[in-house]
Amino acid sequence: MLPHEGAAVRLLLRFCNDRDVVEDLLQQAYVKVLEAARRTQISYPRAFLLKTAHHVAIDYLRSRRVVPFTPLSDTEYQHVSSPDPGPERAAIGGNLLSVVMAAIAALPPRCRDVVLLRKVEGLSQREVAQRLRIAEATVEKQVAKGIRQCAVALFRAAEEVSPAEVARSKSNRDASDR
C-alpha cells in the first residue's frame, strides 16, 4: 500500500487542502483497507486504496455538513435512550483500550513518541517534527507504522473472541436498543 500513498494523498488533497486532515483521512483509509484485506484478497491494491480513500473523503465531507438542531420537548426527551454505554460495551471498550495501549507500549521508542504526540496529544505533523527534531516525512512514516501495528494488534484481539461471544453481545445490544 505504501508505494501508492502519494497517489492517495493527491486524491485526498482534491477534497481537502488541510494536510493534517488529509493525513487523518489516509490513516482511516489504511485501516479500512487492512480490515478488508483480512476478509478477502485484494487483487488490485492501488485501485482499492484509491477507491477507499475516495469513500473516506466523501464521508468526511458529509460529516462536515451542518445539521439543523431542533430541540426536543420534555416528553420527547424522556423516550430517548441514554447515550452512555452499557456495562458490556464499557467492558469491551476497556479491553480494546488495553490492547491498543499494549500495542503502543510495544512500539520502538521513536515510533511510540511520534504516535503519542500525533494521535493522543493531537499535535500536527509539523509540530511533532519540530519537537522531536526529525523530518516531517519521518513523522508520517512512523505514524503509519504505529497505526499499522496497532491495527494488527486489534485484529489479533478480535480473532480471540469466539463467534458465540459475538452473537451473545449482538443479541444483548439489540435487546437494550429496544
N, C-alpha and C. Protein backbone atom coordinates (compact mmCIF):
# COMPACT_ATOMS: atom_id res chain seq x y z
N MET A 1 0.81 -1.20 0.00
CA MET A 1 0.00 0.00 0.00
C MET A 1 0.86 1.27 0.00
N LEU A 2 1.99 1.24 0.71
CA LEU A 2 2.80 2.45 0.83
C LEU A 2 3.30 2.98 -0.50
N PRO A 3 3.59 2.13 -1.52
CA PRO A 3 4.00 2.70 -2.80
C PRO A 3 2.92 3.56 -3.45
N HIS A 4 1.69 3.35 -3.05
CA HIS A 4 0.56 4.08 -3.64
C HIS A 4 0.13 5.26 -2.77
N GLU A 5 0.87 5.52 -1.71
CA GLU A 5 0.48 6.57 -0.77
C GLU A 5 0.45 7.95 -1.44
N GLY A 6 1.42 8.23 -2.29
CA GLY A 6 1.46 9.53 -2.97
C GLY A 6 0.20 9.79 -3.77
N ALA A 7 -0.24 8.77 -4.50
CA ALA A 7 -1.47 8.91 -5.30
C ALA A 7 -2.67 9.13 -4.39
N ALA A 8 -2.70 8.42 -3.27
CA ALA A 8 -3.83 8.57 -2.33
C ALA A 8 -3.83 9.97 -1.72
N VAL A 9 -2.65 10.47 -1.38
CA VAL A 9 -2.56 11.83 -0.80
C VAL A 9 -3.03 12.85 -1.83
N ARG A 10 -2.59 12.71 -3.07
CA ARG A 10 -3.01 13.65 -4.12
C ARG A 10 -4.53 13.62 -4.30
N LEU A 11 -5.11 12.42 -4.28
CA LEU A 11 -6.56 12.29 -4.39
C LEU A 11 -7.25 12.99 -3.23
N LEU A 12 -6.77 12.76 -2.01
CA LEU A 12 -7.40 13.36 -0.84
C LEU A 12 -7.23 14.88 -0.83
N LEU A 13 -6.13 15.38 -1.36
CA LEU A 13 -5.91 16.83 -1.40
C LEU A 13 -6.93 17.52 -2.31
N ARG A 14 -7.54 16.77 -3.23
CA ARG A 14 -8.59 17.35 -4.07
C ARG A 14 -9.85 17.63 -3.26
N PHE A 15 -10.03 16.90 -2.17
CA PHE A 15 -11.21 17.08 -1.32
C PHE A 15 -10.95 18.07 -0.19
N CYS A 16 -9.72 18.14 0.27
CA CYS A 16 -9.40 18.96 1.43
C CYS A 16 -7.95 19.43 1.32
N ASN A 17 -7.72 20.73 1.52
CA ASN A 17 -6.37 21.28 1.40
C ASN A 17 -5.57 21.23 2.69
N ASP A 18 -6.19 20.81 3.78
CA ASP A 18 -5.51 20.74 5.07
C ASP A 18 -4.72 19.44 5.16
N ARG A 19 -3.39 19.54 5.19
CA ARG A 19 -2.51 18.36 5.20
C ARG A 19 -2.79 17.46 6.41
N ASP A 20 -3.09 18.07 7.56
CA ASP A 20 -3.35 17.27 8.77
C ASP A 20 -4.61 16.44 8.60
N VAL A 21 -5.64 17.03 8.02
CA VAL A 21 -6.89 16.30 7.77
C VAL A 21 -6.63 15.21 6.74
N VAL A 22 -5.87 15.53 5.71
CA VAL A 22 -5.55 14.54 4.68
C VAL A 22 -4.82 13.35 5.31
N GLU A 23 -3.89 13.63 6.21
CA GLU A 23 -3.16 12.54 6.87
C GLU A 23 -4.12 11.67 7.69
N ASP A 24 -5.05 12.29 8.40
CA ASP A 24 -6.02 11.53 9.17
C ASP A 24 -6.92 10.70 8.26
N LEU A 25 -7.35 11.28 7.14
CA LEU A 25 -8.18 10.54 6.19
C LEU A 25 -7.42 9.36 5.60
N LEU A 26 -6.13 9.57 5.32
CA LEU A 26 -5.30 8.50 4.78
C LEU A 26 -5.18 7.36 5.79
N GLN A 27 -5.01 7.70 7.05
CA GLN A 27 -4.92 6.66 8.08
C GLN A 27 -6.24 5.88 8.17
N GLN A 28 -7.37 6.59 8.07
CA GLN A 28 -8.67 5.91 8.08
C GLN A 28 -8.78 4.96 6.89
N ALA A 29 -8.29 5.41 5.73
CA ALA A 29 -8.33 4.56 4.54
C ALA A 29 -7.47 3.31 4.76
N TYR A 30 -6.29 3.48 5.35
CA TYR A 30 -5.42 2.33 5.62
C TYR A 30 -6.12 1.33 6.54
N VAL A 31 -6.77 1.83 7.57
CA VAL A 31 -7.46 0.92 8.49
C VAL A 31 -8.54 0.14 7.74
N LYS A 32 -9.31 0.83 6.90
CA LYS A 32 -10.36 0.15 6.14
C LYS A 32 -9.78 -0.88 5.17
N VAL A 33 -8.65 -0.54 4.55
CA VAL A 33 -8.01 -1.48 3.64
C VAL A 33 -7.51 -2.70 4.41
N LEU A 34 -6.92 -2.48 5.58
CA LEU A 34 -6.46 -3.60 6.40
C LEU A 34 -7.63 -4.49 6.82
N GLU A 35 -8.74 -3.89 7.19
CA GLU A 35 -9.92 -4.67 7.57
C GLU A 35 -10.40 -5.50 6.39
N ALA A 36 -10.43 -4.91 5.21
CA ALA A 36 -10.89 -5.63 4.03
C ALA A 36 -9.91 -6.74 3.65
N ALA A 37 -8.62 -6.47 3.82
CA ALA A 37 -7.60 -7.47 3.48
C ALA A 37 -7.70 -8.69 4.38
N ARG A 38 -8.23 -8.50 5.58
CA ARG A 38 -8.42 -9.64 6.48
C ARG A 38 -9.53 -10.56 5.97
N ARG A 39 -10.51 -9.98 5.29
CA ARG A 39 -11.66 -10.76 4.84
C ARG A 39 -11.47 -11.38 3.46
N THR A 40 -10.69 -10.72 2.60
CA THR A 40 -10.57 -11.18 1.22
C THR A 40 -9.23 -10.73 0.65
N GLN A 41 -8.82 -11.38 -0.41
CA GLN A 41 -7.58 -10.97 -1.07
C GLN A 41 -7.89 -9.80 -2.00
N ILE A 42 -7.05 -8.80 -1.94
CA ILE A 42 -7.24 -7.60 -2.76
C ILE A 42 -6.42 -7.78 -4.04
N SER A 43 -7.10 -7.88 -5.17
CA SER A 43 -6.42 -8.14 -6.44
C SER A 43 -5.70 -6.91 -6.98
N TYR A 44 -6.29 -5.75 -6.80
CA TYR A 44 -5.72 -4.52 -7.34
C TYR A 44 -5.54 -3.52 -6.20
N PRO A 45 -4.41 -3.61 -5.47
CA PRO A 45 -4.22 -2.79 -4.26
C PRO A 45 -4.30 -1.28 -4.52
N ARG A 46 -3.72 -0.81 -5.61
CA ARG A 46 -3.74 0.63 -5.89
C ARG A 46 -5.17 1.12 -6.07
N ALA A 47 -5.91 0.44 -6.91
CA ALA A 47 -7.28 0.84 -7.17
C ALA A 47 -8.12 0.76 -5.90
N PHE A 48 -7.89 -0.30 -5.12
CA PHE A 48 -8.66 -0.48 -3.88
C PHE A 48 -8.35 0.64 -2.90
N LEU A 49 -7.07 0.96 -2.73
CA LEU A 49 -6.69 2.04 -1.81
C LEU A 49 -7.28 3.37 -2.28
N LEU A 50 -7.18 3.67 -3.56
CA LEU A 50 -7.70 4.95 -4.05
C LEU A 50 -9.22 5.04 -3.92
N LYS A 51 -9.92 3.95 -4.18
CA LYS A 51 -11.38 3.97 -4.05
C LYS A 51 -11.76 4.11 -2.58
N THR A 52 -11.02 3.42 -1.71
CA THR A 52 -11.29 3.54 -0.27
C THR A 52 -11.02 4.96 0.21
N ALA A 53 -9.92 5.55 -0.23
CA ALA A 53 -9.60 6.93 0.15
C ALA A 53 -10.68 7.88 -0.34
N HIS A 54 -11.18 7.63 -1.55
CA HIS A 54 -12.26 8.45 -2.11
C HIS A 54 -13.50 8.36 -1.22
N HIS A 55 -13.87 7.15 -0.81
CA HIS A 55 -15.05 6.98 0.05
C HIS A 55 -14.84 7.64 1.41
N VAL A 56 -13.63 7.52 1.96
CA VAL A 56 -13.34 8.16 3.25
C VAL A 56 -13.47 9.68 3.11
N ALA A 57 -12.99 10.23 2.01
CA ALA A 57 -13.09 11.67 1.80
C ALA A 57 -14.55 12.11 1.67
N ILE A 58 -15.34 11.34 0.95
CA ILE A 58 -16.76 11.67 0.81
C ILE A 58 -17.44 11.63 2.18
N ASP A 59 -17.14 10.60 2.98
CA ASP A 59 -17.71 10.51 4.33
C ASP A 59 -17.30 11.72 5.17
N TYR A 60 -16.05 12.14 5.03
CA TYR A 60 -15.56 13.31 5.77
C TYR A 60 -16.35 14.55 5.36
N LEU A 61 -16.53 14.73 4.06
CA LEU A 61 -17.27 15.91 3.59
C LEU A 61 -18.71 15.88 4.07
N ARG A 62 -19.32 14.70 4.07
CA ARG A 62 -20.69 14.58 4.56
C ARG A 62 -20.78 14.94 6.04
N SER A 63 -19.79 14.49 6.81
CA SER A 63 -19.83 14.73 8.26
C SER A 63 -19.65 16.21 8.59
N ARG A 64 -19.10 16.98 7.68
CA ARG A 64 -18.88 18.40 7.93
C ARG A 64 -20.12 19.24 7.64
N ARG A 65 -21.14 18.64 7.03
CA ARG A 65 -22.37 19.39 6.77
C ARG A 65 -23.00 19.82 8.08
N VAL A 66 -23.59 20.96 8.07
CA VAL A 66 -24.28 21.46 9.26
C VAL A 66 -25.65 20.80 9.32
N VAL A 67 -25.96 20.24 10.46
CA VAL A 67 -27.25 19.58 10.66
C VAL A 67 -28.13 20.50 11.49
N PRO A 68 -29.33 20.79 11.03
CA PRO A 68 -30.19 21.67 11.80
C PRO A 68 -30.55 21.04 13.15
N PHE A 69 -30.59 21.86 14.15
CA PHE A 69 -30.87 21.40 15.51
C PHE A 69 -32.29 21.79 15.86
N THR A 70 -33.08 20.81 16.24
CA THR A 70 -34.43 21.10 16.71
C THR A 70 -34.54 20.56 18.14
N PRO A 71 -34.82 21.43 19.07
CA PRO A 71 -34.89 20.99 20.47
C PRO A 71 -36.06 20.03 20.69
N LEU A 72 -35.87 19.11 21.62
CA LEU A 72 -36.92 18.15 21.96
C LEU A 72 -37.76 18.70 23.10
N SER A 73 -39.03 18.35 23.07
CA SER A 73 -39.88 18.71 24.20
C SER A 73 -39.55 17.76 25.36
N ASP A 74 -40.05 18.08 26.55
CA ASP A 74 -39.77 17.24 27.72
C ASP A 74 -40.28 15.82 27.53
N THR A 75 -41.44 15.68 26.91
CA THR A 75 -41.98 14.32 26.73
C THR A 75 -41.17 13.54 25.70
N GLU A 76 -40.70 14.21 24.64
CA GLU A 76 -39.87 13.54 23.65
C GLU A 76 -38.53 13.13 24.26
N TYR A 77 -37.99 13.98 25.11
CA TYR A 77 -36.69 13.71 25.73
C TYR A 77 -36.73 12.46 26.61
N GLN A 78 -37.85 12.19 27.23
CA GLN A 78 -37.97 11.04 28.12
C GLN A 78 -37.89 9.72 27.35
N HIS A 79 -38.15 9.73 26.05
CA HIS A 79 -38.14 8.50 25.27
C HIS A 79 -36.81 8.25 24.57
N VAL A 80 -35.84 9.10 24.80
CA VAL A 80 -34.53 8.92 24.20
C VAL A 80 -33.69 8.07 25.14
N SER A 81 -33.05 7.03 24.59
CA SER A 81 -32.22 6.17 25.44
C SER A 81 -30.95 6.91 25.85
N SER A 82 -30.34 6.44 26.88
CA SER A 82 -29.14 7.07 27.42
C SER A 82 -27.99 6.94 26.43
N PRO A 83 -27.22 8.01 26.24
CA PRO A 83 -26.07 7.92 25.34
C PRO A 83 -24.89 7.18 25.99
N ASP A 84 -24.98 6.94 27.30
CA ASP A 84 -23.90 6.26 27.99
C ASP A 84 -23.86 4.79 27.58
N PRO A 85 -22.66 4.25 27.41
CA PRO A 85 -22.57 2.83 27.05
C PRO A 85 -23.00 1.95 28.22
N GLY A 86 -23.58 0.81 27.90
CA GLY A 86 -23.95 -0.14 28.94
C GLY A 86 -22.70 -0.80 29.50
N PRO A 87 -22.85 -1.61 30.54
CA PRO A 87 -21.68 -2.23 31.17
C PRO A 87 -20.91 -3.14 30.22
N GLU A 88 -21.62 -3.83 29.32
CA GLU A 88 -20.93 -4.72 28.38
C GLU A 88 -20.07 -3.93 27.41
N ARG A 89 -20.64 -2.85 26.86
CA ARG A 89 -19.87 -2.02 25.93
C ARG A 89 -18.70 -1.34 26.64
N ALA A 90 -18.90 -0.94 27.88
CA ALA A 90 -17.80 -0.33 28.64
C ALA A 90 -16.67 -1.34 28.84
N ALA A 91 -17.02 -2.60 29.13
CA ALA A 91 -16.00 -3.64 29.31
C ALA A 91 -15.26 -3.91 28.01
N ILE A 92 -16.00 -4.00 26.91
CA ILE A 92 -15.37 -4.23 25.61
C ILE A 92 -14.46 -3.06 25.26
N GLY A 93 -14.93 -1.84 25.51
CA GLY A 93 -14.10 -0.66 25.25
C GLY A 93 -12.84 -0.67 26.08
N GLY A 94 -12.96 -1.08 27.35
CA GLY A 94 -11.79 -1.17 28.21
C GLY A 94 -10.80 -2.20 27.70
N ASN A 95 -11.33 -3.34 27.21
CA ASN A 95 -10.46 -4.38 26.66
C ASN A 95 -9.73 -3.87 25.41
N LEU A 96 -10.47 -3.19 24.53
CA LEU A 96 -9.85 -2.66 23.32
C LEU A 96 -8.80 -1.61 23.66
N LEU A 97 -9.10 -0.78 24.65
CA LEU A 97 -8.14 0.23 25.06
C LEU A 97 -6.87 -0.42 25.59
N SER A 98 -7.01 -1.49 26.36
CA SER A 98 -5.81 -2.15 26.88
C SER A 98 -5.00 -2.80 25.76
N VAL A 99 -5.68 -3.31 24.73
CA VAL A 99 -4.97 -3.88 23.57
C VAL A 99 -4.18 -2.79 22.85
N VAL A 100 -4.82 -1.65 22.64
CA VAL A 100 -4.14 -0.54 21.94
C VAL A 100 -2.98 -0.01 22.79
N MET A 101 -3.20 0.12 24.09
CA MET A 101 -2.13 0.62 24.96
C MET A 101 -0.93 -0.34 24.96
N ALA A 102 -1.19 -1.64 24.98
CA ALA A 102 -0.11 -2.62 24.92
C ALA A 102 0.61 -2.54 23.58
N ALA A 103 -0.15 -2.35 22.50
CA ALA A 103 0.47 -2.25 21.17
C ALA A 103 1.34 -1.00 21.08
N ILE A 104 0.88 0.11 21.65
CA ILE A 104 1.67 1.34 21.64
C ILE A 104 2.93 1.16 22.48
N ALA A 105 2.79 0.51 23.63
CA ALA A 105 3.95 0.27 24.50
C ALA A 105 4.99 -0.61 23.82
N ALA A 106 4.55 -1.48 22.91
CA ALA A 106 5.47 -2.39 22.23
C ALA A 106 6.18 -1.75 21.04
N LEU A 107 5.76 -0.54 20.66
CA LEU A 107 6.39 0.14 19.53
C LEU A 107 7.83 0.54 19.87
N PRO A 108 8.68 0.67 18.87
CA PRO A 108 10.01 1.22 19.12
C PRO A 108 9.88 2.63 19.70
N PRO A 109 10.85 3.07 20.52
CA PRO A 109 10.71 4.35 21.23
C PRO A 109 10.35 5.55 20.34
N ARG A 110 11.04 5.76 19.24
CA ARG A 110 10.75 6.92 18.39
C ARG A 110 9.34 6.82 17.81
N CYS A 111 8.99 5.64 17.33
CA CYS A 111 7.66 5.44 16.76
C CYS A 111 6.60 5.69 17.82
N ARG A 112 6.81 5.19 19.03
CA ARG A 112 5.85 5.39 20.13
C ARG A 112 5.70 6.88 20.42
N ASP A 113 6.82 7.60 20.51
CA ASP A 113 6.76 9.04 20.79
C ASP A 113 5.98 9.78 19.72
N VAL A 114 6.25 9.44 18.46
CA VAL A 114 5.57 10.10 17.34
C VAL A 114 4.07 9.82 17.39
N VAL A 115 3.69 8.56 17.60
CA VAL A 115 2.27 8.20 17.64
C VAL A 115 1.57 8.91 18.80
N LEU A 116 2.19 8.92 19.96
CA LEU A 116 1.56 9.56 21.11
C LEU A 116 1.40 11.07 20.90
N LEU A 117 2.43 11.71 20.38
CA LEU A 117 2.34 13.16 20.15
C LEU A 117 1.29 13.48 19.08
N ARG A 118 1.28 12.68 18.02
CA ARG A 118 0.39 12.98 16.88
C ARG A 118 -1.06 12.58 17.16
N LYS A 119 -1.25 11.36 17.64
CA LYS A 119 -2.61 10.82 17.75
C LYS A 119 -3.23 11.01 19.12
N VAL A 120 -2.44 11.04 20.18
CA VAL A 120 -3.00 11.20 21.52
C VAL A 120 -3.03 12.66 21.92
N GLU A 121 -1.89 13.35 21.77
CA GLU A 121 -1.84 14.76 22.15
C GLU A 121 -2.39 15.68 21.07
N GLY A 122 -2.54 15.16 19.85
CA GLY A 122 -3.19 15.92 18.79
C GLY A 122 -2.31 16.98 18.13
N LEU A 123 -1.00 16.84 18.23
CA LEU A 123 -0.11 17.81 17.58
C LEU A 123 -0.14 17.58 16.07
N SER A 124 0.12 18.63 15.32
CA SER A 124 0.19 18.49 13.87
C SER A 124 1.48 17.76 13.50
N GLN A 125 1.54 17.32 12.27
CA GLN A 125 2.73 16.62 11.79
C GLN A 125 3.95 17.54 11.90
N ARG A 126 3.78 18.78 11.55
CA ARG A 126 4.88 19.75 11.62
C ARG A 126 5.34 19.97 13.07
N GLU A 127 4.38 20.08 14.00
CA GLU A 127 4.72 20.30 15.41
C GLU A 127 5.49 19.11 15.98
N VAL A 128 5.07 17.90 15.61
CA VAL A 128 5.76 16.71 16.08
C VAL A 128 7.19 16.70 15.53
N ALA A 129 7.33 17.01 14.25
CA ALA A 129 8.66 17.02 13.63
C ALA A 129 9.57 18.04 14.32
N GLN A 130 9.04 19.22 14.62
CA GLN A 130 9.84 20.24 15.28
C GLN A 130 10.20 19.82 16.70
N ARG A 131 9.25 19.27 17.42
CA ARG A 131 9.51 18.89 18.81
C ARG A 131 10.56 17.78 18.91
N LEU A 132 10.50 16.81 18.00
CA LEU A 132 11.43 15.68 18.05
C LEU A 132 12.67 15.89 17.18
N ARG A 133 12.69 17.02 16.47
CA ARG A 133 13.81 17.36 15.59
C ARG A 133 14.05 16.27 14.54
N ILE A 134 12.95 15.91 13.86
CA ILE A 134 13.02 14.94 12.78
C ILE A 134 12.26 15.51 11.59
N ALA A 135 12.43 14.89 10.44
CA ALA A 135 11.75 15.35 9.22
C ALA A 135 10.26 15.02 9.29
N GLU A 136 9.45 15.84 8.63
CA GLU A 136 8.01 15.58 8.59
C GLU A 136 7.71 14.24 7.92
N ALA A 137 8.52 13.89 6.92
CA ALA A 137 8.33 12.60 6.25
C ALA A 137 8.55 11.45 7.24
N THR A 138 9.49 11.62 8.15
CA THR A 138 9.74 10.60 9.18
C THR A 138 8.53 10.49 10.10
N VAL A 139 7.94 11.63 10.46
CA VAL A 139 6.74 11.60 11.30
C VAL A 139 5.64 10.82 10.59
N GLU A 140 5.43 11.12 9.32
CA GLU A 140 4.39 10.45 8.55
C GLU A 140 4.62 8.93 8.51
N LYS A 141 5.86 8.52 8.25
CA LYS A 141 6.17 7.09 8.17
C LYS A 141 6.03 6.41 9.53
N GLN A 142 6.45 7.09 10.59
CA GLN A 142 6.37 6.50 11.93
C GLN A 142 4.91 6.37 12.37
N VAL A 143 4.09 7.36 12.05
CA VAL A 143 2.66 7.27 12.39
C VAL A 143 2.03 6.11 11.64
N ALA A 144 2.33 5.98 10.35
CA ALA A 144 1.78 4.88 9.55
C ALA A 144 2.20 3.54 10.14
N LYS A 145 3.47 3.43 10.51
CA LYS A 145 3.98 2.18 11.09
C LYS A 145 3.27 1.89 12.41
N GLY A 146 3.12 2.89 13.25
CA GLY A 146 2.47 2.70 14.55
C GLY A 146 1.01 2.33 14.41
N ILE A 147 0.30 3.00 13.53
CA ILE A 147 -1.12 2.71 13.32
C ILE A 147 -1.29 1.30 12.76
N ARG A 148 -0.40 0.92 11.83
CA ARG A 148 -0.44 -0.43 11.27
C ARG A 148 -0.28 -1.48 12.37
N GLN A 149 0.71 -1.26 13.25
CA GLN A 149 0.96 -2.24 14.32
C GLN A 149 -0.21 -2.28 15.31
N CYS A 150 -0.82 -1.14 15.59
CA CYS A 150 -1.99 -1.12 16.48
C CYS A 150 -3.16 -1.85 15.83
N ALA A 151 -3.36 -1.64 14.54
CA ALA A 151 -4.44 -2.31 13.82
C ALA A 151 -4.24 -3.83 13.84
N VAL A 152 -3.00 -4.27 13.63
CA VAL A 152 -2.70 -5.70 13.67
C VAL A 152 -3.03 -6.26 15.05
N ALA A 153 -2.67 -5.53 16.10
CA ALA A 153 -2.97 -5.98 17.47
C ALA A 153 -4.47 -6.08 17.69
N LEU A 154 -5.23 -5.11 17.18
CA LEU A 154 -6.69 -5.16 17.33
C LEU A 154 -7.29 -6.33 16.55
N PHE A 155 -6.77 -6.59 15.35
CA PHE A 155 -7.27 -7.72 14.57
C PHE A 155 -6.99 -9.04 15.29
N ARG A 156 -5.81 -9.15 15.86
CA ARG A 156 -5.48 -10.38 16.60
C ARG A 156 -6.38 -10.54 17.82
N ALA A 157 -6.65 -9.44 18.50
CA ALA A 157 -7.53 -9.50 19.66
C ALA A 157 -8.95 -9.89 19.24
N ALA A 158 -9.40 -9.40 18.09
CA ALA A 158 -10.74 -9.73 17.59
C ALA A 158 -10.83 -11.21 17.24
N GLU A 159 -9.73 -11.79 16.75
CA GLU A 159 -9.72 -13.21 16.40
C GLU A 159 -9.88 -14.09 17.64
N GLU A 160 -9.47 -13.57 18.79
CA GLU A 160 -9.55 -14.34 20.02
C GLU A 160 -10.96 -14.39 20.60
N VAL A 161 -11.85 -13.52 20.12
CA VAL A 161 -13.24 -13.51 20.59
C VAL A 161 -14.00 -14.60 19.83
N SER A 162 -14.68 -15.46 20.56
CA SER A 162 -15.38 -16.57 19.92
C SER A 162 -16.64 -16.07 19.22
N PRO A 163 -17.09 -16.78 18.18
CA PRO A 163 -18.34 -16.39 17.49
C PRO A 163 -19.54 -16.38 18.44
N ALA A 164 -19.56 -17.28 19.42
CA ALA A 164 -20.68 -17.31 20.37
C ALA A 164 -20.71 -16.02 21.19
N GLU A 165 -19.53 -15.51 21.57
CA GLU A 165 -19.50 -14.26 22.34
C GLU A 165 -19.98 -13.10 21.49
N VAL A 166 -19.61 -13.09 20.22
CA VAL A 166 -20.05 -12.01 19.33
C VAL A 166 -21.57 -12.06 19.17
N ALA A 167 -22.14 -13.26 18.96
CA ALA A 167 -23.59 -13.39 18.79
C ALA A 167 -24.31 -12.98 20.07
N ARG A 168 -23.79 -13.40 21.24
CA ARG A 168 -24.40 -13.05 22.51
C ARG A 168 -24.35 -11.53 22.71
N SER A 169 -23.21 -10.92 22.38
CA SER A 169 -23.06 -9.47 22.52
C SER A 169 -24.06 -8.75 21.63
N LYS A 170 -24.23 -9.23 20.38
CA LYS A 170 -25.15 -8.59 19.44
C LYS A 170 -26.59 -8.71 19.93
N SER A 171 -26.97 -9.90 20.41
CA SER A 171 -28.36 -10.06 20.87
C SER A 171 -28.63 -9.22 22.11
N ASN A 172 -27.67 -9.10 23.00
CA ASN A 172 -27.83 -8.24 24.19
C ASN A 172 -27.95 -6.78 23.78
N ARG A 173 -27.13 -6.37 22.82
CA ARG A 173 -27.16 -4.98 22.35
C ARG A 173 -28.49 -4.68 21.69
N ASP A 174 -28.98 -5.61 20.84
CA ASP A 174 -30.26 -5.42 20.17
C ASP A 174 -31.39 -5.31 21.19
N ALA A 175 -31.34 -6.13 22.23
CA ALA A 175 -32.38 -6.10 23.25
C ALA A 175 -32.36 -4.79 24.03
N SER A 176 -31.17 -4.26 24.27
CA SER A 176 -31.09 -2.99 25.03
C SER A 176 -31.48 -1.80 24.18
N ASP A 177 -31.40 -1.93 22.85
CA ASP A 177 -31.77 -0.82 21.96
C ASP A 177 -33.29 -0.70 21.80
N ARG A 178 -34.03 -1.73 22.21
CA ARG A 178 -35.49 -1.69 22.04
C ARG A 178 -36.14 -0.85 23.07
